[in-house]
PDB file of N, CA and C in Angstrom:
ATOM      1  N   UNK A   1     -25.032   1.535  96.329  1.00  0.00           N
ATOM      2  CA  UNK A   1     -24.972   0.132  96.188  1.00  0.00           C
ATOM      3  C   UNK A   1     -26.425  -0.451  96.204  1.00  0.00           C
ATOM      4  N   UNK A   2     -26.826  -1.020  95.126  1.00  0.00           N
ATOM      5  CA  UNK A   2     -28.198  -1.539  95.031  1.00  0.00           C
ATOM      6  C   UNK A   2     -28.242  -3.021  95.579  1.00  0.00           C
ATOM      7  N   UNK A   3     -29.026  -3.209  96.445  1.00  0.00           N
ATOM      8  CA  UNK A   3     -29.143  -4.602  97.011  1.00  0.00           C
ATOM      9  C   UNK A   3     -30.511  -5.249  96.858  1.00  0.00           C
ATOM     10  N   UNK A   4     -31.439  -4.584  96.263  1.00  0.00           N
ATOM     11  CA  UNK A   4     -32.812  -5.146  96.127  1.00  0.00           C
ATOM     12  C   UNK A   4     -33.249  -5.290  94.664  1.00  0.00           C
ATOM     13  N   UNK A   5     -32.373  -4.993  93.708  1.00  0.00           N
ATOM     14  CA  UNK A   5     -32.801  -5.051  92.330  1.00  0.00           C
ATOM     15  C   UNK A   5     -32.275  -6.362  91.563  1.00  0.00           C
ATOM     16  N   UNK A   6     -31.829  -7.292  92.284  1.00  0.00           N
ATOM     17  CA  UNK A   6     -31.433  -8.594  91.645  1.00  0.00           C
ATOM     18  C   UNK A   6     -29.951  -8.600  91.224  1.00  0.00           C
ATOM     19  N   UNK A   7     -29.222  -7.524  91.283  1.00  0.00           N
ATOM     20  CA  UNK A   7     -27.859  -7.546  90.823  1.00  0.00           C
ATOM     21  C   UNK A   7     -26.935  -7.768  92.045  1.00  0.00           C
ATOM     22  N   UNK A   8     -27.400  -7.730  93.224  1.00  0.00           N
ATOM     23  CA  UNK A   8     -26.543  -8.052  94.405  1.00  0.00           C
ATOM     24  C   UNK A   8     -26.520  -9.564  94.663  1.00  0.00           C
ATOM     25  N   UNK A   9     -25.577 -10.227  94.002  1.00  0.00           N
ATOM     26  CA  UNK A   9     -25.544 -11.646  94.086  1.00  0.00           C
ATOM     27  C   UNK A   9     -24.249 -12.150  93.537  1.00  0.00           C
ATOM     28  N   UNK A  10     -24.233 -13.514  93.317  1.00  0.00           N
ATOM     29  CA  UNK A  10     -23.132 -14.177  92.719  1.00  0.00           C
ATOM     30  C   UNK A  10     -23.534 -14.485  91.287  1.00  0.00           C
ATOM     31  N   UNK A  11     -22.764 -14.047  90.326  1.00  0.00           N
ATOM     32  CA  UNK A  11     -23.017 -14.339  88.912  1.00  0.00           C
ATOM     33  C   UNK A  11     -21.700 -14.825  88.292  1.00  0.00           C
ATOM     34  N   UNK A  12     -21.752 -16.004  87.626  1.00  0.00           N
ATOM     35  CA  UNK A  12     -20.544 -16.501  86.929  1.00  0.00           C
ATOM     36  C   UNK A  12     -19.346 -16.552  87.848  1.00  0.00           C
ATOM     37  N   UNK A  13     -19.536 -16.997  89.098  1.00  0.00           N
ATOM     38  CA  UNK A  13     -18.491 -17.171  90.052  1.00  0.00           C
ATOM     39  C   UNK A  13     -17.907 -15.797  90.478  1.00  0.00           C
ATOM     40  N   UNK A  14     -18.652 -14.723  90.374  1.00  0.00           N
ATOM     41  CA  UNK A  14     -18.210 -13.457  90.831  1.00  0.00           C
ATOM     42  C   UNK A  14     -19.296 -12.842  91.728  1.00  0.00           C
ATOM     43  N   UNK A  15     -18.882 -12.264  92.833  1.00  0.00           N
ATOM     44  CA  UNK A  15     -19.827 -11.526  93.658  1.00  0.00           C
ATOM     45  C   UNK A  15     -19.907 -10.089  93.027  1.00  0.00           C
ATOM     46  N   UNK A  16     -21.156  -9.558  93.012  1.00  0.00           N
ATOM     47  CA  UNK A  16     -21.188  -8.187  92.394  1.00  0.00           C
ATOM     48  C   UNK A  16     -22.432  -7.522  92.766  1.00  0.00           C
ATOM     49  N   UNK A  17     -22.589  -6.170  92.449  1.00  0.00           N
ATOM     50  CA  UNK A  17     -23.686  -5.411  92.695  1.00  0.00           C
ATOM     51  C   UNK A  17     -23.655  -4.094  91.763  1.00  0.00           C
ATOM     52  N   UNK A  18     -24.793  -3.500  91.631  1.00  0.00           N
ATOM     53  CA  UNK A  18     -24.910  -2.287  90.862  1.00  0.00           C
ATOM     54  C   UNK A  18     -24.536  -1.064  91.785  1.00  0.00           C
ATOM     55  N   UNK A  19     -23.855  -0.154  91.174  1.00  0.00           N
ATOM     56  CA  UNK A  19     -23.629   1.204  91.856  1.00  0.00           C
ATOM     57  C   UNK A  19     -24.423   2.237  91.056  1.00  0.00           C
ATOM     58  N   UNK A  20     -25.290   2.955  91.816  1.00  0.00           N
ATOM     59  CA  UNK A  20     -26.170   3.928  91.205  1.00  0.00           C
ATOM     60  C   UNK A  20     -25.886   5.294  92.040  1.00  0.00           C
ATOM     61  N   UNK A  21     -25.507   6.295  91.334  1.00  0.00           N
ATOM     62  CA  UNK A  21     -25.360   7.551  91.924  1.00  0.00           C
ATOM     63  C   UNK A  21     -25.399   8.715  90.885  1.00  0.00           C
ATOM     64  N   UNK A  22     -24.988   9.890  91.240  1.00  0.00           N
ATOM     65  CA  UNK A  22     -25.117  11.009  90.281  1.00  0.00           C
ATOM     66  C   UNK A  22     -24.034  10.798  89.131  1.00  0.00           C
ATOM     67  N   UNK A  23     -24.484  11.066  87.995  1.00  0.00           N
ATOM     68  CA  UNK A  23     -23.608  10.886  86.797  1.00  0.00           C
ATOM     69  C   UNK A  23     -22.378  11.882  86.943  1.00  0.00           C
ATOM     70  N   UNK A  24     -21.234  11.469  86.521  1.00  0.00           N
ATOM     71  CA  UNK A  24     -20.038  12.253  86.570  1.00  0.00           C
ATOM     72  C   UNK A  24     -19.334  12.193  87.901  1.00  0.00           C
ATOM     73  N   UNK A  25     -19.874  11.441  88.836  1.00  0.00           N
ATOM     74  CA  UNK A  25     -19.168  11.356  90.155  1.00  0.00           C
ATOM     75  C   UNK A  25     -18.278  10.125  90.153  1.00  0.00           C
ATOM     76  N   UNK A  26     -17.194  10.247  90.979  1.00  0.00           N
ATOM     77  CA  UNK A  26     -16.333   9.124  91.162  1.00  0.00           C
ATOM     78  C   UNK A  26     -16.627   8.371  92.378  1.00  0.00           C
ATOM     79  N   UNK A  27     -16.570   7.034  92.306  1.00  0.00           N
ATOM     80  CA  UNK A  27     -16.819   6.134  93.393  1.00  0.00           C
ATOM     81  C   UNK A  27     -15.714   5.159  93.529  1.00  0.00           C
ATOM     82  N   UNK A  28     -15.303   4.909  94.813  1.00  0.00           N
ATOM     83  CA  UNK A  28     -14.304   3.973  95.053  1.00  0.00           C
ATOM     84  C   UNK A  28     -14.913   2.834  95.890  1.00  0.00           C
ATOM     85  N   UNK A  29     -14.732   1.547  95.418  1.00  0.00           N
ATOM     86  CA  UNK A  29     -15.145   0.423  96.167  1.00  0.00           C
ATOM     87  C   UNK A  29     -13.963  -0.080  96.917  1.00  0.00           C
ATOM     88  N   UNK A  30     -14.083  -0.246  98.247  1.00  0.00           N
ATOM     89  CA  UNK A  30     -12.958  -0.725  99.048  1.00  0.00           C
ATOM     90  C   UNK A  30     -13.442  -2.044  99.718  1.00  0.00           C
ATOM     91  N   UNK A  31     -12.426  -2.901 100.065  1.00  0.00           N
ATOM     92  CA  UNK A  31     -12.675  -4.184 100.641  1.00  0.00           C
ATOM     93  C   UNK A  31     -11.740  -4.442 101.843  1.00  0.00           C
ATOM     94  N   UNK A  32     -12.208  -5.106 102.838  1.00  0.00           N
ATOM     95  CA  UNK A  32     -11.399  -5.519 103.931  1.00  0.00           C
ATOM     96  C   UNK A  32     -11.879  -6.943 104.316  1.00  0.00           C
ATOM     97  N   UNK A  33     -11.044  -7.661 105.124  1.00  0.00           N
ATOM     98  CA  UNK A  33     -11.469  -8.964 105.634  1.00  0.00           C
ATOM     99  C   UNK A  33     -11.692  -9.088 107.096  1.00  0.00           C
ATOM    100  N   UNK A  34     -11.460  -8.037 107.760  1.00  0.00           N
ATOM    101  CA  UNK A  34     -11.673  -7.975 109.263  1.00  0.00           C
ATOM    102  C   UNK A  34     -12.188  -6.661 109.707  1.00  0.00           C
ATOM    103  N   UNK A  35     -13.481  -6.594 110.043  1.00  0.00           N
ATOM    104  CA  UNK A  35     -14.025  -5.362 110.585  1.00  0.00           C
ATOM    105  C   UNK A  35     -13.578  -4.990 111.943  1.00  0.00           C
ATOM    106  N   UNK A  36     -13.031  -5.922 112.732  1.00  0.00           N
ATOM    107  CA  UNK A  36     -12.447  -5.531 114.075  1.00  0.00           C
ATOM    108  C   UNK A  36     -11.210  -4.738 113.960  1.00  0.00           C
ATOM    109  N   UNK A  37     -10.426  -4.964 112.881  1.00  0.00           N
ATOM    110  CA  UNK A  37      -9.193  -4.275 112.633  1.00  0.00           C
ATOM    111  C   UNK A  37      -9.100  -3.979 111.125  1.00  0.00           C
ATOM    112  N   UNK A  38     -10.029  -3.086 110.641  1.00  0.00           N
ATOM    113  CA  UNK A  38     -10.075  -3.017 109.175  1.00  0.00           C
ATOM    114  C   UNK A  38      -8.919  -2.319 108.509  1.00  0.00           C
ATOM    115  N   UNK A  39      -8.503  -2.969 107.372  1.00  0.00           N
ATOM    116  CA  UNK A  39      -7.444  -2.387 106.506  1.00  0.00           C
ATOM    117  C   UNK A  39      -8.143  -2.354 105.121  1.00  0.00           C
ATOM    118  N   UNK A  40      -8.854  -1.224 104.901  1.00  0.00           N
ATOM    119  CA  UNK A  40      -9.635  -1.103 103.634  1.00  0.00           C
ATOM    120  C   UNK A  40      -8.633  -0.878 102.515  1.00  0.00           C
ATOM    121  N   UNK A  41      -8.812  -1.701 101.446  1.00  0.00           N
ATOM    122  CA  UNK A  41      -8.040  -1.613 100.191  1.00  0.00           C
ATOM    123  C   UNK A  41      -8.963  -1.325  99.071  1.00  0.00           C
ATOM    124  N   UNK A  42      -8.566  -0.396  98.192  1.00  0.00           N
ATOM    125  CA  UNK A  42      -9.443  -0.083  96.975  1.00  0.00           C
ATOM    126  C   UNK A  42      -9.347  -1.291  96.009  1.00  0.00           C
ATOM    127  N   UNK A  43     -10.539  -1.637  95.526  1.00  0.00           N
ATOM    128  CA  UNK A  43     -10.621  -2.662  94.567  1.00  0.00           C
ATOM    129  C   UNK A  43     -11.193  -2.187  93.204  1.00  0.00           C
ATOM    130  N   UNK A  44     -11.800  -0.955  93.254  1.00  0.00           N
ATOM    131  CA  UNK A  44     -12.293  -0.339  92.032  1.00  0.00           C
ATOM    132  C   UNK A  44     -12.416   1.097  92.216  1.00  0.00           C
ATOM    133  N   UNK A  45     -11.990   1.885  91.227  1.00  0.00           N
ATOM    134  CA  UNK A  45     -12.273   3.372  91.182  1.00  0.00           C
ATOM    135  C   UNK A  45     -12.956   3.548  89.888  1.00  0.00           C
ATOM    136  N   UNK A  46     -14.086   4.205  89.861  1.00  0.00           N
ATOM    137  CA  UNK A  46     -14.899   4.344  88.622  1.00  0.00           C
ATOM    138  C   UNK A  46     -15.602   5.728  88.527  1.00  0.00           C
ATOM    139  N   UNK A  47     -15.615   6.365  87.423  1.00  0.00           N
ATOM    140  CA  UNK A  47     -16.427   7.548  87.251  1.00  0.00           C
ATOM    141  C   UNK A  47     -17.735   7.011  86.678  1.00  0.00           C
ATOM    142  N   UNK A  48     -18.812   7.404  87.273  1.00  0.00           N
ATOM    143  CA  UNK A  48     -20.148   7.046  86.957  1.00  0.00           C
ATOM    144  C   UNK A  48     -20.566   7.930  85.824  1.00  0.00           C
ATOM    145  N   UNK A  49     -20.153   7.757  84.577  1.00  0.00           N
ATOM    146  CA  UNK A  49     -20.505   8.666  83.546  1.00  0.00           C
ATOM    147  C   UNK A  49     -21.962   8.756  83.298  1.00  0.00           C
ATOM    148  N   UNK A  50     -22.617   7.600  83.426  1.00  0.00           N
ATOM    149  CA  UNK A  50     -24.105   7.544  83.182  1.00  0.00           C
ATOM    150  C   UNK A  50     -24.943   7.472  84.491  1.00  0.00           C
ATOM    151  N   UNK A  51     -24.182   7.501  85.660  1.00  0.00           N
ATOM    152  CA  UNK A  51     -24.891   7.435  86.886  1.00  0.00           C
ATOM    153  C   UNK A  51     -25.007   6.053  87.472  1.00  0.00           C
ATOM    154  N   UNK A  52     -24.499   5.025  86.749  1.00  0.00           N
ATOM    155  CA  UNK A  52     -24.483   3.734  87.250  1.00  0.00           C
ATOM    156  C   UNK A  52     -23.422   2.893  86.631  1.00  0.00           C
ATOM    157  N   UNK A  53     -23.025   1.840  87.329  1.00  0.00           N
ATOM    158  CA  UNK A  53     -22.014   0.875  86.842  1.00  0.00           C
ATOM    159  C   UNK A  53     -22.229  -0.412  87.673  1.00  0.00           C
ATOM    160  N   UNK A  54     -21.681  -1.579  87.110  1.00  0.00           N
ATOM    161  CA  UNK A  54     -21.740  -2.827  87.795  1.00  0.00           C
ATOM    162  C   UNK A  54     -20.387  -3.177  88.326  1.00  0.00           C
ATOM    163  N   UNK A  55     -20.296  -3.459  89.594  1.00  0.00           N
ATOM    164  CA  UNK A  55     -19.088  -3.849  90.211  1.00  0.00           C
ATOM    165  C   UNK A  55     -19.154  -5.405  90.449  1.00  0.00           C
ATOM    166  N   UNK A  56     -18.036  -6.088  90.106  1.00  0.00           N
ATOM    167  CA  UNK A  56     -17.930  -7.496  90.441  1.00  0.00           C
ATOM    168  C   UNK A  56     -16.503  -7.720  90.952  1.00  0.00           C
ATOM    169  N   UNK A  57     -16.410  -8.754  91.901  1.00  0.00           N
ATOM    170  CA  UNK A  57     -15.096  -9.014  92.490  1.00  0.00           C
ATOM    171  C   UNK A  57     -14.805 -10.494  92.175  1.00  0.00           C
ATOM    172  N   UNK A  58     -13.994 -10.752  91.205  1.00  0.00           N
ATOM    173  CA  UNK A  58     -13.667 -12.162  90.877  1.00  0.00           C
ATOM    174  C   UNK A  58     -12.768 -12.835  91.979  1.00  0.00           C
ATOM    175  N   UNK A  59     -12.214 -12.081  92.873  1.00  0.00           N
ATOM    176  CA  UNK A  59     -11.361 -12.565  93.967  1.00  0.00           C
ATOM    177  C   UNK A  59     -12.106 -12.964  95.195  1.00  0.00           C
ATOM    178  N   UNK A  60     -13.415 -12.764  95.289  1.00  0.00           N
ATOM    179  CA  UNK A  60     -14.110 -12.907  96.527  1.00  0.00           C
ATOM    180  C   UNK A  60     -13.991 -14.295  97.165  1.00  0.00           C
ATOM    181  N   UNK A  61     -13.810 -15.314  96.323  1.00  0.00           N
ATOM    182  CA  UNK A  61     -13.757 -16.662  96.883  1.00  0.00           C
ATOM    183  C   UNK A  61     -12.347 -16.981  97.532  1.00  0.00           C
ATOM    184  N   UNK A  62     -11.455 -16.079  97.308  1.00  0.00           N
ATOM    185  CA  UNK A  62     -10.089 -16.214  97.925  1.00  0.00           C
ATOM    186  C   UNK A  62     -10.101 -15.833  99.396  1.00  0.00           C
ATOM    187  N   UNK A  63     -11.173 -15.374  99.951  1.00  0.00           N
ATOM    188  CA  UNK A  63     -11.251 -14.945 101.382  1.00  0.00           C
ATOM    189  C   UNK A  63     -12.390 -15.617 102.076  1.00  0.00           C
ATOM    190  N   UNK A  64     -12.229 -15.971 103.397  1.00  0.00           N
ATOM    191  CA  UNK A  64     -13.263 -16.557 104.119  1.00  0.00           C
ATOM    192  C   UNK A  64     -14.418 -15.562 104.404  1.00  0.00           C
ATOM    193  N   UNK A  65     -14.117 -14.263 104.403  1.00  0.00           N
ATOM    194  CA  UNK A  65     -15.106 -13.226 104.478  1.00  0.00           C
ATOM    195  C   UNK A  65     -14.489 -11.911 103.959  1.00  0.00           C
ATOM    196  N   UNK A  66     -15.303 -11.227 103.164  1.00  0.00           N
ATOM    197  CA  UNK A  66     -14.869  -9.919 102.596  1.00  0.00           C
ATOM    198  C   UNK A  66     -15.959  -8.993 102.781  1.00  0.00           C
ATOM    199  N   UNK A  67     -15.620  -7.786 103.166  1.00  0.00           N
ATOM    200  CA  UNK A  67     -16.627  -6.652 103.448  1.00  0.00           C
ATOM    201  C   UNK A  67     -16.283  -5.521 102.445  1.00  0.00           C
ATOM    202  N   UNK A  68     -17.368  -4.863 102.031  1.00  0.00           N
ATOM    203  CA  UNK A  68     -17.121  -3.782 101.045  1.00  0.00           C
ATOM    204  C   UNK A  68     -17.791  -2.487 101.550  1.00  0.00           C
ATOM    205  N   UNK A  69     -17.162  -1.384 101.146  1.00  0.00           N
ATOM    206  CA  UNK A  69     -17.720  -0.047 101.468  1.00  0.00           C
ATOM    207  C   UNK A  69     -17.463   0.753 100.180  1.00  0.00           C
ATOM    208  N   UNK A  70     -18.216   1.795 100.064  1.00  0.00           N
ATOM    209  CA  UNK A  70     -18.167   2.804  99.022  1.00  0.00           C
ATOM    210  C   UNK A  70     -17.739   4.192  99.585  1.00  0.00           C
ATOM    211  N   UNK A  71     -16.950   4.784  98.829  1.00  0.00           N
ATOM    212  CA  UNK A  71     -16.659   6.227  99.223  1.00  0.00           C
ATOM    213  C   UNK A  71     -16.446   7.094  97.953  1.00  0.00           C
ATOM    214  N   UNK A  72     -16.571   8.380  98.081  1.00  0.00           N
ATOM    215  CA  UNK A  72     -16.270   9.292  97.049  1.00  0.00           C
ATOM    216  C   UNK A  72     -15.043  10.083  97.478  1.00  0.00           C
ATOM    217  N   UNK A  73     -14.007  10.106  96.671  1.00  0.00           N
ATOM    218  CA  UNK A  73     -12.699  10.744  97.076  1.00  0.00           C
ATOM    219  C   UNK A  73     -12.980  12.272  97.125  1.00  0.00           C
TER     220      UNK A  73
END
């Protein structure tokens, strides 16, 4: 998850960020609304064919707080 390259922000009413990792790898972006009692739900599964992809969450404004994590299955 890139946080310093300018892609980690709100663009066109969507929160988003770049994913950069090894090409051909699968990455799952999960979200939850409560870190004290997390119920992580997948919001994107993507194979990084070129080693990078852009993730955006158009639903982010529907929650008072939303947290994200990345994992590889």
